[in-house]
Amino acid sequence: GHMDEPTAQQQLLSQVRLGEATKREDLVRQSLYRLELIDPDNPDVIAARFRYLLRQGDNAGAQKQLDRMKQLAPDSAAYKSSVTSMTLSGAEGRQALQQARLQATTGHVPEALAAYDALFKGNPPEGDLAVEYWALVAKVPARRSEAITQLKALNARNPGNAALQNSLAQLLFGEGRDAEAYAVLEQMAKSSAGREAAAGLWYQQIQRMPVSDASVKALQRFLTVFSSGDTVDSARTQLAAQQKQLADPAFRLEHHHHHH
């Protein structure tokens, strides 16, 4: 319906996110310029300009944007996560983040989470840090579905972040939510940055399947999504071999008992 169509602001903000995910500052600049003409007092617009200035190393300019947000929308998620980003851009913040990451990589999950929570105060900044945080939360079995929900929401807001899609797809496969995982991989396959990784993950899943009509269908679907690369050559060979096996009545008979 007409109500669901994204507004110009939403479209431009998602262009900004795409530019951020793919490290294309020109795309960020163009979209921000237009956003500031249409909707200059929108906290999300000011936050995007703030992130841009921070990446450029213009801390004074970034601080001005932060002050504007505090005046206009002190309770907004945009303001709170920007405060976190500002903290993390300073020497102490960077050091604290390194400590949290070290705990995470050495497998001290509760300690790492406590360190991240102390830094983020419940508002992980958008983008790669949020992905990093929720991927860590997902390692706590009781909080895994919460983490998946958060990563799915992030993926909807941040199109084209291949690292995010990779984490999300792996988590979904791990939870047996294969249909959702494949949907994420199809999305990931559309971007040049994520294509190789998506093909690898997808093909890995197929290789775990026993030879059956289902595995043949899975290979055929794989080959409609991916058209070139090493995995594609392997998949073609595997498909031919499986079709040949399945056409052999002896193979059918022998495998009939396993399934029933």
C-alpha atoms as a PDB file:
ATOM      1  CA  GLY A   1       0.000   0.000   0.000  1.00  0.00           C
ATOM      2  CA  HIS A   2       0.882   3.671  -0.229  1.00  0.00           C
ATOM      3  CA  MET A   3       1.600   3.956   3.502  1.00  0.00           C
ATOM      4  CA  ASP A   4       4.484   1.488   3.389  1.00  0.00           C
ATOM      5  CA  GLU A   5       6.492   3.361   0.784  1.00  0.00           C
ATOM      6  CA  PRO A   6       9.697   4.781   2.254  1.00  0.00           C
ATOM      7  CA  THR A   7       9.824   8.562   2.508  1.00  0.00           C
ATOM      8  CA  ALA A   8      12.565  10.572   0.788  1.00  0.00           C
ATOM      9  CA  GLN A   9      14.230  10.916   4.209  1.00  0.00           C
ATOM     10  CA  GLN A  10      14.207   7.161   4.823  1.00  0.00           C
ATOM     11  CA  GLN A  11      15.615   6.490   1.364  1.00  0.00           C
ATOM     12  CA  LEU A  12      18.395   9.036   1.815  1.00  0.00           C
ATOM     13  CA  LEU A  13      19.219   7.755   5.308  1.00  0.00           C
ATOM     14  CA  SER A  14      19.538   4.232   3.968  1.00  0.00           C
ATOM     15  CA  GLN A  15      21.850   5.622   1.234  1.00  0.00           C
ATOM     16  CA  VAL A  16      23.963   7.102   4.025  1.00  0.00           C
ATOM     17  CA  ARG A  17      24.100   3.695   5.752  1.00  0.00           C
ATOM     18  CA  LEU A  18      25.024   1.987   2.505  1.00  0.00           C
ATOM     19  CA  GLY A  19      27.815   4.505   1.979  1.00  0.00           C
ATOM     20  CA  GLU A  20      29.032   3.847   5.534  1.00  0.00           C
ATOM     21  CA  ALA A  21      28.926   0.059   5.134  1.00  0.00           C
ATOM     22  CA  THR A  22      30.739   0.140   1.784  1.00  0.00           C
ATOM     23  CA  LYS A  23      33.193   2.915   2.807  1.00  0.00           C
ATOM     24  CA  ARG A  24      31.932   5.290   0.090  1.00  0.00           C
ATOM     25  CA  GLU A  25      32.177   8.751   1.626  1.00  0.00           C
ATOM     26  CA  ASP A  26      31.045  10.404  -1.637  1.00  0.00           C
ATOM     27  CA  LEU A  27      27.673   8.644  -1.333  1.00  0.00           C
ATOM     28  CA  VAL A  28      27.461   9.694   2.340  1.00  0.00           C
ATOM     29  CA  ARG A  29      28.241  13.333   1.475  1.00  0.00           C
ATOM     30  CA  GLN A  30      25.685  13.578  -1.371  1.00  0.00           C
ATOM     31  CA  SER A  31      22.905  12.006   0.697  1.00  0.00           C
ATOM     32  CA  LEU A  32      23.690  14.122   3.769  1.00  0.00           C
ATOM     33  CA  TYR A  33      23.669  17.324   1.750  1.00  0.00           C
ATOM     34  CA  ARG A  34      20.159  16.534   0.480  1.00  0.00           C
ATOM     35  CA  LEU A  35      18.955  15.401   3.927  1.00  0.00           C
ATOM     36  CA  GLU A  36      20.124  18.634   5.531  1.00  0.00           C
ATOM     37  CA  LEU A  37      18.069  20.592   2.987  1.00  0.00           C
ATOM     38  CA  ILE A  38      14.879  18.556   3.575  1.00  0.00           C
ATOM     39  CA  ASP A  39      15.052  17.730   7.275  1.00  0.00           C
ATOM     40  CA  PRO A  40      17.836  19.612   9.097  1.00  0.00           C
ATOM     41  CA  ASP A  41      16.489  19.067  12.643  1.00  0.00           C
ATOM     42  CA  ASN A  42      16.026  15.303  12.389  1.00  0.00           C
ATOM     43  CA  PRO A  43      18.249  13.700  15.091  1.00  0.00           C
ATOM     44  CA  ASP A  44      19.093  10.816  12.709  1.00  0.00           C
ATOM     45  CA  VAL A  45      20.325  13.311  10.103  1.00  0.00           C
ATOM     46  CA  ILE A  46      22.400  15.222  12.669  1.00  0.00           C
ATOM     47  CA  ALA A  47      23.788  11.889  13.959  1.00  0.00           C
ATOM     48  CA  ALA A  48      24.807  10.896  10.435  1.00  0.00           C
ATOM     49  CA  ARG A  49      26.638  14.215   9.975  1.00  0.00           C
ATOM     50  CA  PHE A  50      28.221  13.678  13.415  1.00  0.00           C
ATOM     51  CA  ARG A  51      29.500  10.199  12.376  1.00  0.00           C
ATOM     52  CA  TYR A  52      30.835  11.623   9.128  1.00  0.00           C
ATOM     53  CA  LEU A  53      32.779  14.388  10.923  1.00  0.00           C
ATOM     54  CA  LEU A  54      34.114  11.883  13.447  1.00  0.00           C
ATOM     55  CA  ARG A  55      35.421   9.658  10.625  1.00  0.00           C
ATOM     56  CA  GLN A  56      37.078  12.725   9.074  1.00  0.00           C
ATOM     57  CA  GLY A  57      38.831  13.366  12.412  1.00  0.00           C
ATOM     58  CA  ASP A  58      36.981  16.674  12.900  1.00  0.00           C
ATOM     59  CA  ASN A  59      36.211  16.252  16.611  1.00  0.00           C
ATOM     60  CA  ALA A  60      35.314  19.903  17.154  1.00  0.00           C
ATOM     61  CA  GLY A  61      32.749  19.770  14.347  1.00  0.00           C
ATOM     62  CA  ALA A  62      31.417  16.491  15.678  1.00  0.00           C
ATOM     63  CA  GLN A  63      31.020  17.990  19.156  1.00  0.00           C
ATOM     64  CA  LYS A  64      28.897  20.827  17.686  1.00  0.00           C
ATOM     65  CA  GLN A  65      26.538  18.268  16.142  1.00  0.00           C
ATOM     66  CA  LEU A  66      26.393  16.446  19.473  1.00  0.00           C
ATOM     67  CA  ASP A  67      25.425  19.680  21.254  1.00  0.00           C
ATOM     68  CA  ARG A  68      22.638  20.302  18.697  1.00  0.00           C
ATOM     69  CA  MET A  69      21.278  16.787  19.237  1.00  0.00           C
ATOM     70  CA  LYS A  70      21.342  17.269  22.996  1.00  0.00           C
ATOM     71  CA  GLN A  71      19.230  20.429  22.621  1.00  0.00           C
ATOM     72  CA  LEU A  72      16.791  18.962  20.081  1.00  0.00           C
ATOM     73  CA  ALA A  73      16.438  15.340  21.202  1.00  0.00           C
ATOM     74  CA  PRO A  74      18.278  14.444  24.417  1.00  0.00           C
ATOM     75  CA  ASP A  75      16.273  11.226  24.866  1.00  0.00           C
ATOM     76  CA  SER A  76      16.682   9.904  21.314  1.00  0.00           C
ATOM     77  CA  ALA A  77      18.596   6.715  20.506  1.00  0.00           C
ATOM     78  CA  ALA A  78      20.476   8.802  17.914  1.00  0.00           C
ATOM     79  CA  TYR A  79      21.822  11.092  20.652  1.00  0.00           C
ATOM     80  CA  LYS A  80      22.662   8.295  23.110  1.00  0.00           C
ATOM     81  CA  SER A  81      24.557   6.200  20.577  1.00  0.00           C
ATOM     82  CA  SER A  82      26.379   9.332  19.359  1.00  0.00           C
ATOM     83  CA  VAL A  83      27.558  10.028  22.914  1.00  0.00           C
ATOM     84  CA  THR A  84      28.947   6.487  22.976  1.00  0.00           C
ATOM     85  CA  SER A  85      30.727   7.013  19.642  1.00  0.00           C
ATOM     86  CA  MET A  86      32.268  10.233  20.957  1.00  0.00           C
ATOM     87  CA  THR A  87      33.548   8.419  24.051  1.00  0.00           C
ATOM     88  CA  LEU A  88      35.018   5.674  21.872  1.00  0.00           C
ATOM     89  CA  SER A  89      36.844   8.171  19.676  1.00  0.00           C
ATOM     90  CA  GLY A  90      38.920   9.394  22.657  1.00  0.00           C
ATOM     91  CA  ALA A  91      42.069   7.652  23.903  1.00  0.00           C
ATOM     92  CA  GLU A  92      40.437   6.210  27.046  1.00  0.00           C
ATOM     93  CA  GLY A  93      37.429   4.984  25.139  1.00  0.00           C
ATOM     94  CA  ARG A  94      39.606   3.308  22.526  1.00  0.00           C
ATOM     95  CA  GLN A  95      41.621   1.588  25.231  1.00  0.00           C
ATOM     96  CA  ALA A  96      38.480   0.359  27.015  1.00  0.00           C
ATOM     97  CA  LEU A  97      37.148  -1.003  23.726  1.00  0.00           C
ATOM     98  CA  GLN A  98      40.416  -2.855  23.089  1.00  0.00           C
ATOM     99  CA  GLN A  99      40.128  -4.446  26.535  1.00  0.00           C
ATOM    100  CA  ALA A 100      36.560  -5.570  25.827  1.00  0.00           C
ATOM    101  CA  ARG A 101      37.639  -7.038  22.471  1.00  0.00           C
ATOM    102  CA  LEU A 102      40.544  -8.857  24.082  1.00  0.00           C
ATOM    103  CA  GLN A 103      38.189 -10.485  26.606  1.00  0.00           C
ATOM    104  CA  ALA A 104      35.893 -11.472  23.725  1.00  0.00           C
ATOM    105  CA  THR A 105      38.634 -13.012  21.559  1.00  0.00           C
ATOM    106  CA  THR A 106      40.034 -14.985  24.496  1.00  0.00           C
ATOM    107  CA  GLY A 107      36.577 -16.448  25.163  1.00  0.00           C
ATOM    108  CA  HIS A 108      35.742 -14.555  28.364  1.00  0.00           C
ATOM    109  CA  VAL A 109      32.202 -13.810  27.214  1.00  0.00           C
ATOM    110  CA  PRO A 110      30.568 -12.553  30.463  1.00  0.00           C
ATOM    111  CA  GLU A 111      33.558 -10.301  31.235  1.00  0.00           C
ATOM    112  CA  ALA A 112      33.614  -8.966  27.680  1.00  0.00           C
ATOM    113  CA  LEU A 113      29.878  -8.254  27.755  1.00  0.00           C
ATOM    114  CA  ALA A 114      30.230  -6.426  31.083  1.00  0.00           C
ATOM    115  CA  ALA A 115      33.011  -4.299  29.546  1.00  0.00           C
ATOM    116  CA  TYR A 116      30.943  -3.489  26.417  1.00  0.00           C
ATOM    117  CA  ASP A 117      27.881  -2.687  28.545  1.00  0.00           C
ATOM    118  CA  ALA A 118      29.912  -0.293  30.691  1.00  0.00           C
ATOM    119  CA  LEU A 119      31.015   1.467  27.491  1.00  0.00           C
ATOM    120  CA  PHE A 120      27.728   1.432  25.592  1.00  0.00           C
ATOM    121  CA  LYS A 121      25.283   1.885  28.504  1.00  0.00           C
ATOM    122  CA  GLY A 122      22.687  -0.079  26.555  1.00  0.00           C
ATOM    123  CA  ASN A 123      23.161   1.857  23.285  1.00  0.00           C
ATOM    124  CA  PRO A 124      25.738   0.211  21.047  1.00  0.00           C
ATOM    125  CA  PRO A 125      26.620   2.657  18.260  1.00  0.00           C
ATOM    126  CA  GLU A 126      25.195   1.762  14.833  1.00  0.00           C
ATOM    127  CA  GLY A 127      27.245  -0.170  12.317  1.00  0.00           C
ATOM    128  CA  ASP A 128      30.164  -2.517  12.880  1.00  0.00           C
ATOM    129  CA  LEU A 129      30.309  -2.054  16.662  1.00  0.00           C
ATOM    130  CA  ALA A 130      26.662  -3.023  17.033  1.00  0.00           C
ATOM    131  CA  VAL A 131      27.306  -6.128  14.921  1.00  0.00           C
ATOM    132  CA  GLU A 132      30.326  -6.982  17.062  1.00  0.00           C
ATOM    133  CA  TYR A 133      28.303  -6.503  20.258  1.00  0.00           C
ATOM    134  CA  TRP A 134      25.254  -8.569  19.266  1.00  0.00           C
ATOM    135  CA  ALA A 135      27.408 -11.338  17.790  1.00  0.00           C
ATOM    136  CA  LEU A 136      29.005 -11.568  21.236  1.00  0.00           C
ATOM    137  CA  VAL A 137      25.612 -11.554  23.011  1.00  0.00           C
ATOM    138  CA  ALA A 138      24.636 -14.458  20.724  1.00  0.00           C
ATOM    139  CA  LYS A 139      27.322 -16.584  22.403  1.00  0.00           C
ATOM    140  CA  VAL A 140      25.180 -16.593  25.547  1.00  0.00           C
ATOM    141  CA  PRO A 141      22.662 -19.391  24.816  1.00  0.00           C
ATOM    142  CA  ALA A 142      19.834 -17.774  26.819  1.00  0.00           C
ATOM    143  CA  ARG A 143      20.209 -14.525  24.852  1.00  0.00           C
ATOM    144  CA  ARG A 144      20.766 -15.965  21.370  1.00  0.00           C
ATOM    145  CA  SER A 145      17.274 -15.295  19.998  1.00  0.00           C
ATOM    146  CA  GLU A 146      17.363 -11.722  21.359  1.00  0.00           C
ATOM    147  CA  ALA A 147      20.698 -11.211  19.562  1.00  0.00           C
ATOM    148  CA  ILE A 148      19.293 -12.635  16.308  1.00  0.00           C
ATOM    149  CA  THR A 149      16.303 -10.279  16.538  1.00  0.00           C
ATOM    150  CA  GLN A 150      18.638  -7.303  17.035  1.00  0.00           C
ATOM    151  CA  LEU A 151      20.913  -8.360  14.150  1.00  0.00           C
ATOM    152  CA  LYS A 152      17.907  -8.811  11.856  1.00  0.00           C
ATOM    153  CA  ALA A 153      16.728  -5.290  12.732  1.00  0.00           C
ATOM    154  CA  LEU A 154      20.243  -3.937  12.103  1.00  0.00           C
ATOM    155  CA  ASN A 155      20.355  -5.738   8.759  1.00  0.00           C
ATOM    156  CA  ALA A 156      17.044  -4.141   7.749  1.00  0.00           C
ATOM    157  CA  ARG A 157      18.441  -0.680   8.635  1.00  0.00           C
ATOM    158  CA  ASN A 158      21.940  -1.218   7.245  1.00  0.00           C
ATOM    159  CA  PRO A 159      21.707  -2.686   3.758  1.00  0.00           C
ATOM    160  CA  GLY A 160      24.914  -4.031   2.262  1.00  0.00           C
ATOM    161  CA  ASN A 161      26.910  -4.764   5.435  1.00  0.00           C
ATOM    162  CA  ALA A 162      28.460  -8.105   4.449  1.00  0.00           C
ATOM    163  CA  ALA A 163      30.047  -8.765   7.867  1.00  0.00           C
ATOM    164  CA  LEU A 164      26.642  -8.343   9.510  1.00  0.00           C
ATOM    165  CA  GLN A 165      24.924 -10.636   7.007  1.00  0.00           C
ATOM    166  CA  ASN A 166      27.644 -13.240   7.446  1.00  0.00           C
ATOM    167  CA  SER A 167      27.224 -13.326  11.258  1.00  0.00           C
ATOM    168  CA  LEU A 168      23.440 -13.374  10.983  1.00  0.00           C
ATOM    169  CA  ALA A 169      23.320 -16.195   8.422  1.00  0.00           C
ATOM    170  CA  GLN A 170      25.668 -18.364  10.504  1.00  0.00           C
ATOM    171  CA  LEU A 171      23.582 -17.810  13.639  1.00  0.00           C
ATOM    172  CA  LEU A 172      20.354 -18.638  11.810  1.00  0.00           C
ATOM    173  CA  PHE A 173      21.825 -21.860  10.394  1.00  0.00           C
ATOM    174  CA  GLY A 174      23.064 -22.746  13.873  1.00  0.00           C
ATOM    175  CA  GLU A 175      19.516 -22.361  15.204  1.00  0.00           C
ATOM    176  CA  GLY A 176      18.057 -24.492  12.399  1.00  0.00           C
ATOM    177  CA  ARG A 177      16.338 -21.430  10.889  1.00  0.00           C
ATOM    178  CA  ASP A 178      17.581 -22.359   7.421  1.00  0.00           C
ATOM    179  CA  ALA A 179      14.935 -20.591   5.331  1.00  0.00           C
ATOM    180  CA  GLU A 180      15.725 -17.257   7.026  1.00  0.00           C
ATOM    181  CA  ALA A 181      19.449 -17.899   6.668  1.00  0.00           C
ATOM    182  CA  TYR A 182      19.167 -18.544   2.928  1.00  0.00           C
ATOM    183  CA  ALA A 183      17.153 -15.320   2.533  1.00  0.00           C
ATOM    184  CA  VAL A 184      20.031 -13.411   4.182  1.00  0.00           C
ATOM    185  CA  LEU A 185      22.566 -15.146   1.915  1.00  0.00           C
ATOM    186  CA  GLU A 186      20.525 -14.232  -1.175  1.00  0.00           C
ATOM    187  CA  GLN A 187      20.596 -10.616  -0.026  1.00  0.00           C
ATOM    188  CA  MET A 188      24.334 -10.858   0.645  1.00  0.00           C
ATOM    189  CA  ALA A 189      24.950 -12.332  -2.813  1.00  0.00           C
ATOM    190  CA  LYS A 190      23.632  -9.124  -4.393  1.00  0.00           C
ATOM    191  CA  SER A 191      26.628  -7.100  -3.202  1.00  0.00           C
ATOM    192  CA  SER A 192      30.099  -7.514  -4.659  1.00  0.00           C
ATOM    193  CA  ALA A 193      31.595  -7.356  -1.152  1.00  0.00           C
ATOM    194  CA  GLY A 194      29.512 -10.243   0.189  1.00  0.00           C
ATOM    195  CA  ARG A 195      29.156 -12.460  -2.854  1.00  0.00           C
ATOM    196  CA  GLU A 196      32.153 -14.776  -2.360  1.00  0.00           C
ATOM    197  CA  ALA A 197      31.480 -15.297   1.342  1.00  0.00           C
ATOM    198  CA  ALA A 198      27.782 -15.929   0.686  1.00  0.00           C
ATOM    199  CA  ALA A 199      28.596 -18.590  -1.914  1.00  0.00           C
ATOM    200  CA  GLY A 200      31.037 -20.256   0.473  1.00  0.00           C
ATOM    201  CA  LEU A 201      28.594 -20.383   3.385  1.00  0.00           C
ATOM    202  CA  TRP A 202      25.722 -21.546   1.200  1.00  0.00           C
ATOM    203  CA  TYR A 203      27.774 -24.299  -0.415  1.00  0.00           C
ATOM    204  CA  GLN A 204      29.039 -25.462   2.994  1.00  0.00           C
ATOM    205  CA  GLN A 205      25.434 -26.001   4.084  1.00  0.00           C
ATOM    206  CA  ILE A 206      24.618 -28.090   1.003  1.00  0.00           C
ATOM    207  CA  GLN A 207      27.649 -30.292   1.565  1.00  0.00           C
ATOM    208  CA  ARG A 208      26.275 -31.277   4.967  1.00  0.00           C
ATOM    209  CA  MET A 209      23.093 -32.654   3.382  1.00  0.00           C
ATOM    210  CA  PRO A 210      22.778 -36.367   2.620  1.00  0.00           C
ATOM    211  CA  VAL A 211      22.390 -37.107  -1.115  1.00  0.00           C
ATOM    212  CA  SER A 212      18.650 -36.907  -1.826  1.00  0.00           C
ATOM    213  CA  ASP A 213      16.086 -35.091  -3.949  1.00  0.00           C
ATOM    214  CA  ALA A 214      16.371 -32.252  -1.395  1.00  0.00           C
ATOM    215  CA  SER A 215      20.138 -31.902  -1.877  1.00  0.00           C
ATOM    216  CA  VAL A 216      19.679 -31.862  -5.663  1.00  0.00           C
ATOM    217  CA  LYS A 217      17.043 -29.110  -5.332  1.00  0.00           C
ATOM    218  CA  ALA A 218      19.374 -27.166  -3.022  1.00  0.00           C
ATOM    219  CA  LEU A 219      22.226 -27.398  -5.554  1.00  0.00           C
ATOM    220  CA  GLN A 220      19.937 -26.281  -8.362  1.00  0.00           C
ATOM    221  CA  ARG A 221      18.787 -23.258  -6.334  1.00  0.00           C
ATOM    222  CA  PHE A 222      22.416 -22.442  -5.481  1.00  0.00           C
ATOM    223  CA  LEU A 223      23.272 -22.439  -9.186  1.00  0.00           C
ATOM    224  CA  THR A 224      20.429 -20.024  -9.982  1.00  0.00           C
ATOM    225  CA  VAL A 225      21.837 -17.517  -7.447  1.00  0.00           C
ATOM    226  CA  PHE A 226      25.551 -17.886  -8.249  1.00  0.00           C
ATOM    227  CA  SER A 227      26.871 -18.109 -11.791  1.00  0.00           C
ATOM    228  CA  SER A 228      30.665 -18.090 -11.534  1.00  0.00           C
ATOM    229  CA  GLY A 229      33.524 -18.917  -9.156  1.00  0.00           C
ATOM    230  CA  ASP A 230      35.184 -22.007  -7.678  1.00  0.00           C
ATOM    231  CA  THR A 231      32.174 -23.027  -5.611  1.00  0.00           C
ATOM    232  CA  VAL A 232      29.987 -22.903  -8.724  1.00  0.00           C
ATOM    233  CA  ASP A 233      32.288 -25.308 -10.591  1.00  0.00           C
ATOM    234  CA  SER A 234      32.248 -27.702  -7.609  1.00  0.00           C
ATOM    235  CA  ALA A 235      28.479 -27.406  -7.308  1.00  0.00           C
ATOM    236  CA  ARG A 236      27.962 -28.273 -11.004  1.00  0.00           C
ATOM    237  CA  THR A 237      30.171 -31.348 -10.668  1.00  0.00           C
ATOM    238  CA  GLN A 238      28.417 -32.367  -7.457  1.00  0.00           C
ATOM    239  CA  LEU A 239      24.973 -31.899  -8.998  1.00  0.00           C
ATOM    240  CA  ALA A 240      25.836 -34.148 -11.955  1.00  0.00           C
ATOM    241  CA  ALA A 241      27.245 -36.807  -9.607  1.00  0.00           C
ATOM    242  CA  GLN A 242      24.200 -36.715  -7.326  1.00  0.00           C
ATOM    243  CA  GLN A 243      21.727 -36.890 -10.195  1.00  0.00           C
ATOM    244  CA  LYS A 244      23.593 -39.919 -11.510  1.00  0.00           C
ATOM    245  CA  GLN A 245      23.556 -41.576  -8.059  1.00  0.00           C
ATOM    246  CA  LEU A 246      19.861 -40.925  -7.571  1.00  0.00           C
ATOM    247  CA  ALA A 247      19.094 -42.429 -10.979  1.00  0.00           C
ATOM    248  CA  ASP A 248      20.725 -45.697  -9.825  1.00  0.00           C
ATOM    249  CA  PRO A 249      18.029 -48.033  -8.386  1.00  0.00           C
ATOM    250  CA  ALA A 250      20.574 -49.818  -6.141  1.00  0.00           C
ATOM    251  CA  PHE A 251      21.515 -46.507  -4.485  1.00  0.00           C
ATOM    252  CA  ARG A 252      17.824 -45.659  -4.013  1.00  0.00           C
ATOM    253  CA  LEU A 253      17.102 -49.014  -2.396  1.00  0.00           C
ATOM    254  CA  GLU A 254      20.112 -48.877  -0.088  1.00  0.00           C
ATOM    255  CA  HIS A 255      19.247 -45.339   1.096  1.00  0.00           C
ATOM    256  CA  HIS A 256      15.530 -46.025   1.399  1.00  0.00           C
ATOM    257  CA  HIS A 257      16.043 -47.726   4.789  1.00  0.00           C
ATOM    258  CA  HIS A 258      17.986 -44.821   6.321  1.00  0.00           C
ATOM    259  CA  HIS A 259      15.157 -42.343   5.871  1.00  0.00           C
ATOM    260  CA  HIS A 260      12.281 -44.430   7.206  1.00  0.00           C
END
